[in-house]
Amino acid sequence: VREALGEVGVSGLTVTEVKGFGRQ
C-alpha cells in the first residue's frame, strides 16, 4: 500500500497499529 500510494504521488502518510473486528 505504501508503494502504491507513492506511485500516485502521495508524499506522506501516517501508520498506526490497531486492533478491531468487522464481519470476521
PDBML (XML) file of the C-alpha atoms, coordinates in Angstrom:
<?xml version="1.0" encoding="UTF-8" ?>
<PDBx:datablock datablockName="MODEL"
   xmlns:PDBx="http://pdbml.pdb.org/schema/pdbx-v50.xsd"
   xmlns:xsi="http://www.w3.org/2001/XMLSchema-instance"
   xsi:schemaLocation="http://pdbml.pdb.org/schema/pdbx-v50.xsd pdbx-v50.xsd">
   <PDBx:atom_siteCategory>
      <PDBx:atom_site id="1">
         <PDBx:B_iso_or_equiv>0.00</PDBx:B_iso_or_equiv>
         <PDBx:Cartn_x>0.000</PDBx:Cartn_x>
         <PDBx:Cartn_y>0.000</PDBx:Cartn_y>
         <PDBx:Cartn_z>0.000</PDBx:Cartn_z>
         <PDBx:auth_asym_id>A</PDBx:auth_asym_id>
         <PDBx:auth_atom_id>CA</PDBx:auth_atom_id>
         <PDBx:auth_comp_id>VAL</PDBx:auth_comp_id>
         <PDBx:auth_seq_id>1</PDBx:auth_seq_id>
         <PDBx:group_PDB>ATOM</PDBx:group_PDB>
         <PDBx:label_alt_id xsi:nil="true" />
         <PDBx:label_asym_id>A</PDBx:label_asym_id>
         <PDBx:label_atom_id>CA</PDBx:label_atom_id>
         <PDBx:label_comp_id>VAL</PDBx:label_comp_id>
         <PDBx:label_entity_id>1</PDBx:label_entity_id>
         <PDBx:label_seq_id>1</PDBx:label_seq_id>
         <PDBx:occupancy>1.00</PDBx:occupancy>
         <PDBx:pdbx_PDB_model_num>1</PDBx:pdbx_PDB_model_num>
         <PDBx:type_symbol>C</PDBx:type_symbol>
      </PDBx:atom_site>
      <PDBx:atom_site id="2">
         <PDBx:B_iso_or_equiv>0.00</PDBx:B_iso_or_equiv>
         <PDBx:Cartn_x>2.824</PDBx:Cartn_x>
         <PDBx:Cartn_y>2.414</PDBx:Cartn_y>
         <PDBx:Cartn_z>0.829</PDBx:Cartn_z>
         <PDBx:auth_asym_id>A</PDBx:auth_asym_id>
         <PDBx:auth_atom_id>CA</PDBx:auth_atom_id>
         <PDBx:auth_comp_id>ARG</PDBx:auth_comp_id>
         <PDBx:auth_seq_id>2</PDBx:auth_seq_id>
         <PDBx:group_PDB>ATOM</PDBx:group_PDB>
         <PDBx:label_alt_id xsi:nil="true" />
         <PDBx:label_asym_id>A</PDBx:label_asym_id>
         <PDBx:label_atom_id>CA</PDBx:label_atom_id>
         <PDBx:label_comp_id>ARG</PDBx:label_comp_id>
         <PDBx:label_entity_id>1</PDBx:label_entity_id>
         <PDBx:label_seq_id>2</PDBx:label_seq_id>
         <PDBx:occupancy>1.00</PDBx:occupancy>
         <PDBx:pdbx_PDB_model_num>1</PDBx:pdbx_PDB_model_num>
         <PDBx:type_symbol>C</PDBx:type_symbol>
      </PDBx:atom_site>
      <PDBx:atom_site id="3">
         <PDBx:B_iso_or_equiv>0.00</PDBx:B_iso_or_equiv>
         <PDBx:Cartn_x>4.464</PDBx:Cartn_x>
         <PDBx:Cartn_y>1.766</PDBx:Cartn_y>
         <PDBx:Cartn_z>-2.541</PDBx:Cartn_z>
         <PDBx:auth_asym_id>A</PDBx:auth_asym_id>
         <PDBx:auth_atom_id>CA</PDBx:auth_atom_id>
         <PDBx:auth_comp_id>GLU</PDBx:auth_comp_id>
         <PDBx:auth_seq_id>3</PDBx:auth_seq_id>
         <PDBx:group_PDB>ATOM</PDBx:group_PDB>
         <PDBx:label_alt_id xsi:nil="true" />
         <PDBx:label_asym_id>A</PDBx:label_asym_id>
         <PDBx:label_atom_id>CA</PDBx:label_atom_id>
         <PDBx:label_comp_id>GLU</PDBx:label_comp_id>
         <PDBx:label_entity_id>1</PDBx:label_entity_id>
         <PDBx:label_seq_id>3</PDBx:label_seq_id>
         <PDBx:occupancy>1.00</PDBx:occupancy>
         <PDBx:pdbx_PDB_model_num>1</PDBx:pdbx_PDB_model_num>
         <PDBx:type_symbol>C</PDBx:type_symbol>
      </PDBx:atom_site>
      <PDBx:atom_site id="4">
         <PDBx:B_iso_or_equiv>0.00</PDBx:B_iso_or_equiv>
         <PDBx:Cartn_x>1.151</PDBx:Cartn_x>
         <PDBx:Cartn_y>2.116</PDBx:Cartn_y>
         <PDBx:Cartn_z>-4.406</PDBx:Cartn_z>
         <PDBx:auth_asym_id>A</PDBx:auth_asym_id>
         <PDBx:auth_atom_id>CA</PDBx:auth_atom_id>
         <PDBx:auth_comp_id>ALA</PDBx:auth_comp_id>
         <PDBx:auth_seq_id>4</PDBx:auth_seq_id>
         <PDBx:group_PDB>ATOM</PDBx:group_PDB>
         <PDBx:label_alt_id xsi:nil="true" />
         <PDBx:label_asym_id>A</PDBx:label_asym_id>
         <PDBx:label_atom_id>CA</PDBx:label_atom_id>
         <PDBx:label_comp_id>ALA</PDBx:label_comp_id>
         <PDBx:label_entity_id>1</PDBx:label_entity_id>
         <PDBx:label_seq_id>4</PDBx:label_seq_id>
         <PDBx:occupancy>1.00</PDBx:occupancy>
         <PDBx:pdbx_PDB_model_num>1</PDBx:pdbx_PDB_model_num>
         <PDBx:type_symbol>C</PDBx:type_symbol>
      </PDBx:atom_site>
      <PDBx:atom_site id="5">
         <PDBx:B_iso_or_equiv>0.00</PDBx:B_iso_or_equiv>
         <PDBx:Cartn_x>0.442</PDBx:Cartn_x>
         <PDBx:Cartn_y>5.452</PDBx:Cartn_y>
         <PDBx:Cartn_z>-2.721</PDBx:Cartn_z>
         <PDBx:auth_asym_id>A</PDBx:auth_asym_id>
         <PDBx:auth_atom_id>CA</PDBx:auth_atom_id>
         <PDBx:auth_comp_id>LEU</PDBx:auth_comp_id>
         <PDBx:auth_seq_id>5</PDBx:auth_seq_id>
         <PDBx:group_PDB>ATOM</PDBx:group_PDB>
         <PDBx:label_alt_id xsi:nil="true" />
         <PDBx:label_asym_id>A</PDBx:label_asym_id>
         <PDBx:label_atom_id>CA</PDBx:label_atom_id>
         <PDBx:label_comp_id>LEU</PDBx:label_comp_id>
         <PDBx:label_entity_id>1</PDBx:label_entity_id>
         <PDBx:label_seq_id>5</PDBx:label_seq_id>
         <PDBx:occupancy>1.00</PDBx:occupancy>
         <PDBx:pdbx_PDB_model_num>1</PDBx:pdbx_PDB_model_num>
         <PDBx:type_symbol>C</PDBx:type_symbol>
      </PDBx:atom_site>
      <PDBx:atom_site id="6">
         <PDBx:B_iso_or_equiv>0.00</PDBx:B_iso_or_equiv>
         <PDBx:Cartn_x>3.919</PDBx:Cartn_x>
         <PDBx:Cartn_y>6.677</PDBx:Cartn_y>
         <PDBx:Cartn_z>-3.574</PDBx:Cartn_z>
         <PDBx:auth_asym_id>A</PDBx:auth_asym_id>
         <PDBx:auth_atom_id>CA</PDBx:auth_atom_id>
         <PDBx:auth_comp_id>GLY</PDBx:auth_comp_id>
         <PDBx:auth_seq_id>6</PDBx:auth_seq_id>
         <PDBx:group_PDB>ATOM</PDBx:group_PDB>
         <PDBx:label_alt_id xsi:nil="true" />
         <PDBx:label_asym_id>A</PDBx:label_asym_id>
         <PDBx:label_atom_id>CA</PDBx:label_atom_id>
         <PDBx:label_comp_id>GLY</PDBx:label_comp_id>
         <PDBx:label_entity_id>1</PDBx:label_entity_id>
         <PDBx:label_seq_id>6</PDBx:label_seq_id>
         <PDBx:occupancy>1.00</PDBx:occupancy>
         <PDBx:pdbx_PDB_model_num>1</PDBx:pdbx_PDB_model_num>
         <PDBx:type_symbol>C</PDBx:type_symbol>
      </PDBx:atom_site>
      <PDBx:atom_site id="7">
         <PDBx:B_iso_or_equiv>0.00</PDBx:B_iso_or_equiv>
         <PDBx:Cartn_x>3.317</PDBx:Cartn_x>
         <PDBx:Cartn_y>5.821</PDBx:Cartn_y>
         <PDBx:Cartn_z>-7.227</PDBx:Cartn_z>
         <PDBx:auth_asym_id>A</PDBx:auth_asym_id>
         <PDBx:auth_atom_id>CA</PDBx:auth_atom_id>
         <PDBx:auth_comp_id>GLU</PDBx:auth_comp_id>
         <PDBx:auth_seq_id>7</PDBx:auth_seq_id>
         <PDBx:group_PDB>ATOM</PDBx:group_PDB>
         <PDBx:label_alt_id xsi:nil="true" />
         <PDBx:label_asym_id>A</PDBx:label_asym_id>
         <PDBx:label_atom_id>CA</PDBx:label_atom_id>
         <PDBx:label_comp_id>GLU</PDBx:label_comp_id>
         <PDBx:label_entity_id>1</PDBx:label_entity_id>
         <PDBx:label_seq_id>7</PDBx:label_seq_id>
         <PDBx:occupancy>1.00</PDBx:occupancy>
         <PDBx:pdbx_PDB_model_num>1</PDBx:pdbx_PDB_model_num>
         <PDBx:type_symbol>C</PDBx:type_symbol>
      </PDBx:atom_site>
      <PDBx:atom_site id="8">
         <PDBx:B_iso_or_equiv>0.00</PDBx:B_iso_or_equiv>
         <PDBx:Cartn_x>0.200</PDBx:Cartn_x>
         <PDBx:Cartn_y>8.030</PDBx:Cartn_y>
         <PDBx:Cartn_z>-7.329</PDBx:Cartn_z>
         <PDBx:auth_asym_id>A</PDBx:auth_asym_id>
         <PDBx:auth_atom_id>CA</PDBx:auth_atom_id>
         <PDBx:auth_comp_id>VAL</PDBx:auth_comp_id>
         <PDBx:auth_seq_id>8</PDBx:auth_seq_id>
         <PDBx:group_PDB>ATOM</PDBx:group_PDB>
         <PDBx:label_alt_id xsi:nil="true" />
         <PDBx:label_asym_id>A</PDBx:label_asym_id>
         <PDBx:label_atom_id>CA</PDBx:label_atom_id>
         <PDBx:label_comp_id>VAL</PDBx:label_comp_id>
         <PDBx:label_entity_id>1</PDBx:label_entity_id>
         <PDBx:label_seq_id>8</PDBx:label_seq_id>
         <PDBx:occupancy>1.00</PDBx:occupancy>
         <PDBx:pdbx_PDB_model_num>1</PDBx:pdbx_PDB_model_num>
         <PDBx:type_symbol>C</PDBx:type_symbol>
      </PDBx:atom_site>
      <PDBx:atom_site id="9">
         <PDBx:B_iso_or_equiv>0.00</PDBx:B_iso_or_equiv>
         <PDBx:Cartn_x>2.039</PDBx:Cartn_x>
         <PDBx:Cartn_y>10.966</PDBx:Cartn_y>
         <PDBx:Cartn_z>-5.769</PDBx:Cartn_z>
         <PDBx:auth_asym_id>A</PDBx:auth_asym_id>
         <PDBx:auth_atom_id>CA</PDBx:auth_atom_id>
         <PDBx:auth_comp_id>GLY</PDBx:auth_comp_id>
         <PDBx:auth_seq_id>9</PDBx:auth_seq_id>
         <PDBx:group_PDB>ATOM</PDBx:group_PDB>
         <PDBx:label_alt_id xsi:nil="true" />
         <PDBx:label_asym_id>A</PDBx:label_asym_id>
         <PDBx:label_atom_id>CA</PDBx:label_atom_id>
         <PDBx:label_comp_id>GLY</PDBx:label_comp_id>
         <PDBx:label_entity_id>1</PDBx:label_entity_id>
         <PDBx:label_seq_id>9</PDBx:label_seq_id>
         <PDBx:occupancy>1.00</PDBx:occupancy>
         <PDBx:pdbx_PDB_model_num>1</PDBx:pdbx_PDB_model_num>
         <PDBx:type_symbol>C</PDBx:type_symbol>
      </PDBx:atom_site>
      <PDBx:atom_site id="10">
         <PDBx:B_iso_or_equiv>0.00</PDBx:B_iso_or_equiv>
         <PDBx:Cartn_x>1.266</PDBx:Cartn_x>
         <PDBx:Cartn_y>10.701</PDBx:Cartn_y>
         <PDBx:Cartn_z>-2.056</PDBx:Cartn_z>
         <PDBx:auth_asym_id>A</PDBx:auth_asym_id>
         <PDBx:auth_atom_id>CA</PDBx:auth_atom_id>
         <PDBx:auth_comp_id>VAL</PDBx:auth_comp_id>
         <PDBx:auth_seq_id>10</PDBx:auth_seq_id>
         <PDBx:group_PDB>ATOM</PDBx:group_PDB>
         <PDBx:label_alt_id xsi:nil="true" />
         <PDBx:label_asym_id>A</PDBx:label_asym_id>
         <PDBx:label_atom_id>CA</PDBx:label_atom_id>
         <PDBx:label_comp_id>VAL</PDBx:label_comp_id>
         <PDBx:label_entity_id>1</PDBx:label_entity_id>
         <PDBx:label_seq_id>10</PDBx:label_seq_id>
         <PDBx:occupancy>1.00</PDBx:occupancy>
         <PDBx:pdbx_PDB_model_num>1</PDBx:pdbx_PDB_model_num>
         <PDBx:type_symbol>C</PDBx:type_symbol>
      </PDBx:atom_site>
      <PDBx:atom_site id="11">
         <PDBx:B_iso_or_equiv>0.00</PDBx:B_iso_or_equiv>
         <PDBx:Cartn_x>4.300</PDBx:Cartn_x>
         <PDBx:Cartn_y>12.163</PDBx:Cartn_y>
         <PDBx:Cartn_z>-0.313</PDBx:Cartn_z>
         <PDBx:auth_asym_id>A</PDBx:auth_asym_id>
         <PDBx:auth_atom_id>CA</PDBx:auth_atom_id>
         <PDBx:auth_comp_id>SER</PDBx:auth_comp_id>
         <PDBx:auth_seq_id>11</PDBx:auth_seq_id>
         <PDBx:group_PDB>ATOM</PDBx:group_PDB>
         <PDBx:label_alt_id xsi:nil="true" />
         <PDBx:label_asym_id>A</PDBx:label_asym_id>
         <PDBx:label_atom_id>CA</PDBx:label_atom_id>
         <PDBx:label_comp_id>SER</PDBx:label_comp_id>
         <PDBx:label_entity_id>1</PDBx:label_entity_id>
         <PDBx:label_seq_id>11</PDBx:label_seq_id>
         <PDBx:occupancy>1.00</PDBx:occupancy>
         <PDBx:pdbx_PDB_model_num>1</PDBx:pdbx_PDB_model_num>
         <PDBx:type_symbol>C</PDBx:type_symbol>
      </PDBx:atom_site>
      <PDBx:atom_site id="12">
         <PDBx:B_iso_or_equiv>0.00</PDBx:B_iso_or_equiv>
         <PDBx:Cartn_x>3.485</PDBx:Cartn_x>
         <PDBx:Cartn_y>11.412</PDBx:Cartn_y>
         <PDBx:Cartn_z>3.319</PDBx:Cartn_z>
         <PDBx:auth_asym_id>A</PDBx:auth_asym_id>
         <PDBx:auth_atom_id>CA</PDBx:auth_atom_id>
         <PDBx:auth_comp_id>GLY</PDBx:auth_comp_id>
         <PDBx:auth_seq_id>12</PDBx:auth_seq_id>
         <PDBx:group_PDB>ATOM</PDBx:group_PDB>
         <PDBx:label_alt_id xsi:nil="true" />
         <PDBx:label_asym_id>A</PDBx:label_asym_id>
         <PDBx:label_atom_id>CA</PDBx:label_atom_id>
         <PDBx:label_comp_id>GLY</PDBx:label_comp_id>
         <PDBx:label_entity_id>1</PDBx:label_entity_id>
         <PDBx:label_seq_id>12</PDBx:label_seq_id>
         <PDBx:occupancy>1.00</PDBx:occupancy>
         <PDBx:pdbx_PDB_model_num>1</PDBx:pdbx_PDB_model_num>
         <PDBx:type_symbol>C</PDBx:type_symbol>
      </PDBx:atom_site>
      <PDBx:atom_site id="13">
         <PDBx:B_iso_or_equiv>0.00</PDBx:B_iso_or_equiv>
         <PDBx:Cartn_x>1.360</PDBx:Cartn_x>
         <PDBx:Cartn_y>9.116</PDBx:Cartn_y>
         <PDBx:Cartn_z>5.418</PDBx:Cartn_z>
         <PDBx:auth_asym_id>A</PDBx:auth_asym_id>
         <PDBx:auth_atom_id>CA</PDBx:auth_atom_id>
         <PDBx:auth_comp_id>LEU</PDBx:auth_comp_id>
         <PDBx:auth_seq_id>13</PDBx:auth_seq_id>
         <PDBx:group_PDB>ATOM</PDBx:group_PDB>
         <PDBx:label_alt_id xsi:nil="true" />
         <PDBx:label_asym_id>A</PDBx:label_asym_id>
         <PDBx:label_atom_id>CA</PDBx:label_atom_id>
         <PDBx:label_comp_id>LEU</PDBx:label_comp_id>
         <PDBx:label_entity_id>1</PDBx:label_entity_id>
         <PDBx:label_seq_id>13</PDBx:label_seq_id>
         <PDBx:occupancy>1.00</PDBx:occupancy>
         <PDBx:pdbx_PDB_model_num>1</PDBx:pdbx_PDB_model_num>
         <PDBx:type_symbol>C</PDBx:type_symbol>
      </PDBx:atom_site>
      <PDBx:atom_site id="14">
         <PDBx:B_iso_or_equiv>0.00</PDBx:B_iso_or_equiv>
         <PDBx:Cartn_x>0.730</PDBx:Cartn_x>
         <PDBx:Cartn_y>8.094</PDBx:Cartn_y>
         <PDBx:Cartn_z>8.983</PDBx:Cartn_z>
         <PDBx:auth_asym_id>A</PDBx:auth_asym_id>
         <PDBx:auth_atom_id>CA</PDBx:auth_atom_id>
         <PDBx:auth_comp_id>THR</PDBx:auth_comp_id>
         <PDBx:auth_seq_id>14</PDBx:auth_seq_id>
         <PDBx:group_PDB>ATOM</PDBx:group_PDB>
         <PDBx:label_alt_id xsi:nil="true" />
         <PDBx:label_asym_id>A</PDBx:label_asym_id>
         <PDBx:label_atom_id>CA</PDBx:label_atom_id>
         <PDBx:label_comp_id>THR</PDBx:label_comp_id>
         <PDBx:label_entity_id>1</PDBx:label_entity_id>
         <PDBx:label_seq_id>14</PDBx:label_seq_id>
         <PDBx:occupancy>1.00</PDBx:occupancy>
         <PDBx:pdbx_PDB_model_num>1</PDBx:pdbx_PDB_model_num>
         <PDBx:type_symbol>C</PDBx:type_symbol>
      </PDBx:atom_site>
      <PDBx:atom_site id="15">
         <PDBx:B_iso_or_equiv>0.00</PDBx:B_iso_or_equiv>
         <PDBx:Cartn_x>0.627</PDBx:Cartn_x>
         <PDBx:Cartn_y>4.447</PDBx:Cartn_y>
         <PDBx:Cartn_z>10.051</PDBx:Cartn_z>
         <PDBx:auth_asym_id>A</PDBx:auth_asym_id>
         <PDBx:auth_atom_id>CA</PDBx:auth_atom_id>
         <PDBx:auth_comp_id>VAL</PDBx:auth_comp_id>
         <PDBx:auth_seq_id>15</PDBx:auth_seq_id>
         <PDBx:group_PDB>ATOM</PDBx:group_PDB>
         <PDBx:label_alt_id xsi:nil="true" />
         <PDBx:label_asym_id>A</PDBx:label_asym_id>
         <PDBx:label_atom_id>CA</PDBx:label_atom_id>
         <PDBx:label_comp_id>VAL</PDBx:label_comp_id>
         <PDBx:label_entity_id>1</PDBx:label_entity_id>
         <PDBx:label_seq_id>15</PDBx:label_seq_id>
         <PDBx:occupancy>1.00</PDBx:occupancy>
         <PDBx:pdbx_PDB_model_num>1</PDBx:pdbx_PDB_model_num>
         <PDBx:type_symbol>C</PDBx:type_symbol>
      </PDBx:atom_site>
      <PDBx:atom_site id="16">
         <PDBx:B_iso_or_equiv>0.00</PDBx:B_iso_or_equiv>
         <PDBx:Cartn_x>-0.836</PDBx:Cartn_x>
         <PDBx:Cartn_y>3.150</PDBx:Cartn_y>
         <PDBx:Cartn_z>13.304</PDBx:Cartn_z>
         <PDBx:auth_asym_id>A</PDBx:auth_asym_id>
         <PDBx:auth_atom_id>CA</PDBx:auth_atom_id>
         <PDBx:auth_comp_id>THR</PDBx:auth_comp_id>
         <PDBx:auth_seq_id>16</PDBx:auth_seq_id>
         <PDBx:group_PDB>ATOM</PDBx:group_PDB>
         <PDBx:label_alt_id xsi:nil="true" />
         <PDBx:label_asym_id>A</PDBx:label_asym_id>
         <PDBx:label_atom_id>CA</PDBx:label_atom_id>
         <PDBx:label_comp_id>THR</PDBx:label_comp_id>
         <PDBx:label_entity_id>1</PDBx:label_entity_id>
         <PDBx:label_seq_id>16</PDBx:label_seq_id>
         <PDBx:occupancy>1.00</PDBx:occupancy>
         <PDBx:pdbx_PDB_model_num>1</PDBx:pdbx_PDB_model_num>
         <PDBx:type_symbol>C</PDBx:type_symbol>
      </PDBx:atom_site>
      <PDBx:atom_site id="17">
         <PDBx:B_iso_or_equiv>0.00</PDBx:B_iso_or_equiv>
         <PDBx:Cartn_x>-1.056</PDBx:Cartn_x>
         <PDBx:Cartn_y>-0.426</PDBx:Cartn_y>
         <PDBx:Cartn_z>14.549</PDBx:Cartn_z>
         <PDBx:auth_asym_id>A</PDBx:auth_asym_id>
         <PDBx:auth_atom_id>CA</PDBx:auth_atom_id>
         <PDBx:auth_comp_id>GLU</PDBx:auth_comp_id>
         <PDBx:auth_seq_id>17</PDBx:auth_seq_id>
         <PDBx:group_PDB>ATOM</PDBx:group_PDB>
         <PDBx:label_alt_id xsi:nil="true" />
         <PDBx:label_asym_id>A</PDBx:label_asym_id>
         <PDBx:label_atom_id>CA</PDBx:label_atom_id>
         <PDBx:label_comp_id>GLU</PDBx:label_comp_id>
         <PDBx:label_entity_id>1</PDBx:label_entity_id>
         <PDBx:label_seq_id>17</PDBx:label_seq_id>
         <PDBx:occupancy>1.00</PDBx:occupancy>
         <PDBx:pdbx_PDB_model_num>1</PDBx:pdbx_PDB_model_num>
         <PDBx:type_symbol>C</PDBx:type_symbol>
      </PDBx:atom_site>
      <PDBx:atom_site id="18">
         <PDBx:B_iso_or_equiv>0.00</PDBx:B_iso_or_equiv>
         <PDBx:Cartn_x>-4.649</PDBx:Cartn_x>
         <PDBx:Cartn_y>-1.033</PDBx:Cartn_y>
         <PDBx:Cartn_z>15.611</PDBx:Cartn_z>
         <PDBx:auth_asym_id>A</PDBx:auth_asym_id>
         <PDBx:auth_atom_id>CA</PDBx:auth_atom_id>
         <PDBx:auth_comp_id>VAL</PDBx:auth_comp_id>
         <PDBx:auth_seq_id>18</PDBx:auth_seq_id>
         <PDBx:group_PDB>ATOM</PDBx:group_PDB>
         <PDBx:label_alt_id xsi:nil="true" />
         <PDBx:label_asym_id>A</PDBx:label_asym_id>
         <PDBx:label_atom_id>CA</PDBx:label_atom_id>
         <PDBx:label_comp_id>VAL</PDBx:label_comp_id>
         <PDBx:label_entity_id>1</PDBx:label_entity_id>
         <PDBx:label_seq_id>18</PDBx:label_seq_id>
         <PDBx:occupancy>1.00</PDBx:occupancy>
         <PDBx:pdbx_PDB_model_num>1</PDBx:pdbx_PDB_model_num>
         <PDBx:type_symbol>C</PDBx:type_symbol>
      </PDBx:atom_site>
      <PDBx:atom_site id="19">
         <PDBx:B_iso_or_equiv>0.00</PDBx:B_iso_or_equiv>
         <PDBx:Cartn_x>-6.922</PDBx:Cartn_x>
         <PDBx:Cartn_y>-3.905</PDBx:Cartn_y>
         <PDBx:Cartn_z>16.612</PDBx:Cartn_z>
         <PDBx:auth_asym_id>A</PDBx:auth_asym_id>
         <PDBx:auth_atom_id>CA</PDBx:auth_atom_id>
         <PDBx:auth_comp_id>LYS</PDBx:auth_comp_id>
         <PDBx:auth_seq_id>19</PDBx:auth_seq_id>
         <PDBx:group_PDB>ATOM</PDBx:group_PDB>
         <PDBx:label_alt_id xsi:nil="true" />
         <PDBx:label_asym_id>A</PDBx:label_asym_id>
         <PDBx:label_atom_id>CA</PDBx:label_atom_id>
         <PDBx:label_comp_id>LYS</PDBx:label_comp_id>
         <PDBx:label_entity_id>1</PDBx:label_entity_id>
         <PDBx:label_seq_id>19</PDBx:label_seq_id>
         <PDBx:occupancy>1.00</PDBx:occupancy>
         <PDBx:pdbx_PDB_model_num>1</PDBx:pdbx_PDB_model_num>
         <PDBx:type_symbol>C</PDBx:type_symbol>
      </PDBx:atom_site>
      <PDBx:atom_site id="20">
         <PDBx:B_iso_or_equiv>0.00</PDBx:B_iso_or_equiv>
         <PDBx:Cartn_x>-10.534</PDBx:Cartn_x>
         <PDBx:Cartn_y>-4.449</PDBx:Cartn_y>
         <PDBx:Cartn_z>15.649</PDBx:Cartn_z>
         <PDBx:auth_asym_id>A</PDBx:auth_asym_id>
         <PDBx:auth_atom_id>CA</PDBx:auth_atom_id>
         <PDBx:auth_comp_id>GLY</PDBx:auth_comp_id>
         <PDBx:auth_seq_id>20</PDBx:auth_seq_id>
         <PDBx:group_PDB>ATOM</PDBx:group_PDB>
         <PDBx:label_alt_id xsi:nil="true" />
         <PDBx:label_asym_id>A</PDBx:label_asym_id>
         <PDBx:label_atom_id>CA</PDBx:label_atom_id>
         <PDBx:label_comp_id>GLY</PDBx:label_comp_id>
         <PDBx:label_entity_id>1</PDBx:label_entity_id>
         <PDBx:label_seq_id>20</PDBx:label_seq_id>
         <PDBx:occupancy>1.00</PDBx:occupancy>
         <PDBx:pdbx_PDB_model_num>1</PDBx:pdbx_PDB_model_num>
         <PDBx:type_symbol>C</PDBx:type_symbol>
      </PDBx:atom_site>
      <PDBx:atom_site id="21">
         <PDBx:B_iso_or_equiv>0.00</PDBx:B_iso_or_equiv>
         <PDBx:Cartn_x>-13.091</PDBx:Cartn_x>
         <PDBx:Cartn_y>-6.651</PDBx:Cartn_y>
         <PDBx:Cartn_z>14.004</PDBx:Cartn_z>
         <PDBx:auth_asym_id>A</PDBx:auth_asym_id>
         <PDBx:auth_atom_id>CA</PDBx:auth_atom_id>
         <PDBx:auth_comp_id>PHE</PDBx:auth_comp_id>
         <PDBx:auth_seq_id>21</PDBx:auth_seq_id>
         <PDBx:group_PDB>ATOM</PDBx:group_PDB>
         <PDBx:label_alt_id xsi:nil="true" />
         <PDBx:label_asym_id>A</PDBx:label_asym_id>
         <PDBx:label_atom_id>CA</PDBx:label_atom_id>
         <PDBx:label_comp_id>PHE</PDBx:label_comp_id>
         <PDBx:label_entity_id>1</PDBx:label_entity_id>
         <PDBx:label_seq_id>21</PDBx:label_seq_id>
         <PDBx:occupancy>1.00</PDBx:occupancy>
         <PDBx:pdbx_PDB_model_num>1</PDBx:pdbx_PDB_model_num>
         <PDBx:type_symbol>C</PDBx:type_symbol>
      </PDBx:atom_site>
      <PDBx:atom_site id="22">
         <PDBx:B_iso_or_equiv>0.00</PDBx:B_iso_or_equiv>
         <PDBx:Cartn_x>-15.858</PDBx:Cartn_x>
         <PDBx:Cartn_y>-6.412</PDBx:Cartn_y>
         <PDBx:Cartn_z>11.475</PDBx:Cartn_z>
         <PDBx:auth_asym_id>A</PDBx:auth_asym_id>
         <PDBx:auth_atom_id>CA</PDBx:auth_atom_id>
         <PDBx:auth_comp_id>GLY</PDBx:auth_comp_id>
         <PDBx:auth_seq_id>22</PDBx:auth_seq_id>
         <PDBx:group_PDB>ATOM</PDBx:group_PDB>
         <PDBx:label_alt_id xsi:nil="true" />
         <PDBx:label_asym_id>A</PDBx:label_asym_id>
         <PDBx:label_atom_id>CA</PDBx:label_atom_id>
         <PDBx:label_comp_id>GLY</PDBx:label_comp_id>
         <PDBx:label_entity_id>1</PDBx:label_entity_id>
         <PDBx:label_seq_id>22</PDBx:label_seq_id>
         <PDBx:occupancy>1.00</PDBx:occupancy>
         <PDBx:pdbx_PDB_model_num>1</PDBx:pdbx_PDB_model_num>
         <PDBx:type_symbol>C</PDBx:type_symbol>
      </PDBx:atom_site>
      <PDBx:atom_site id="23">
         <PDBx:B_iso_or_equiv>0.00</PDBx:B_iso_or_equiv>
         <PDBx:Cartn_x>-17.621</PDBx:Cartn_x>
         <PDBx:Cartn_y>-9.297</PDBx:Cartn_y>
         <PDBx:Cartn_z>9.834</PDBx:Cartn_z>
         <PDBx:auth_asym_id>A</PDBx:auth_asym_id>
         <PDBx:auth_atom_id>CA</PDBx:auth_atom_id>
         <PDBx:auth_comp_id>ARG</PDBx:auth_comp_id>
         <PDBx:auth_seq_id>23</PDBx:auth_seq_id>
         <PDBx:group_PDB>ATOM</PDBx:group_PDB>
         <PDBx:label_alt_id xsi:nil="true" />
         <PDBx:label_asym_id>A</PDBx:label_asym_id>
         <PDBx:label_atom_id>CA</PDBx:label_atom_id>
         <PDBx:label_comp_id>ARG</PDBx:label_comp_id>
         <PDBx:label_entity_id>1</PDBx:label_entity_id>
         <PDBx:label_seq_id>23</PDBx:label_seq_id>
         <PDBx:occupancy>1.00</PDBx:occupancy>
         <PDBx:pdbx_PDB_model_num>1</PDBx:pdbx_PDB_model_num>
         <PDBx:type_symbol>C</PDBx:type_symbol>
      </PDBx:atom_site>
      <PDBx:atom_site id="24">
         <PDBx:B_iso_or_equiv>0.00</PDBx:B_iso_or_equiv>
         <PDBx:Cartn_x>-14.709</PDBx:Cartn_x>
         <PDBx:Cartn_y>-11.567</PDBx:Cartn_y>
         <PDBx:Cartn_z>10.755</PDBx:Cartn_z>
         <PDBx:auth_asym_id>A</PDBx:auth_asym_id>
         <PDBx:auth_atom_id>CA</PDBx:auth_atom_id>
         <PDBx:auth_comp_id>GLN</PDBx:auth_comp_id>
         <PDBx:auth_seq_id>24</PDBx:auth_seq_id>
         <PDBx:group_PDB>ATOM</PDBx:group_PDB>
         <PDBx:label_alt_id xsi:nil="true" />
         <PDBx:label_asym_id>A</PDBx:label_asym_id>
         <PDBx:label_atom_id>CA</PDBx:label_atom_id>
         <PDBx:label_comp_id>GLN</PDBx:label_comp_id>
         <PDBx:label_entity_id>1</PDBx:label_entity_id>
         <PDBx:label_seq_id>24</PDBx:label_seq_id>
         <PDBx:occupancy>1.00</PDBx:occupancy>
         <PDBx:pdbx_PDB_model_num>1</PDBx:pdbx_PDB_model_num>
         <PDBx:type_symbol>C</PDBx:type_symbol>
      </PDBx:atom_site>
   </PDBx:atom_siteCategory>
</PDBx:datablock>
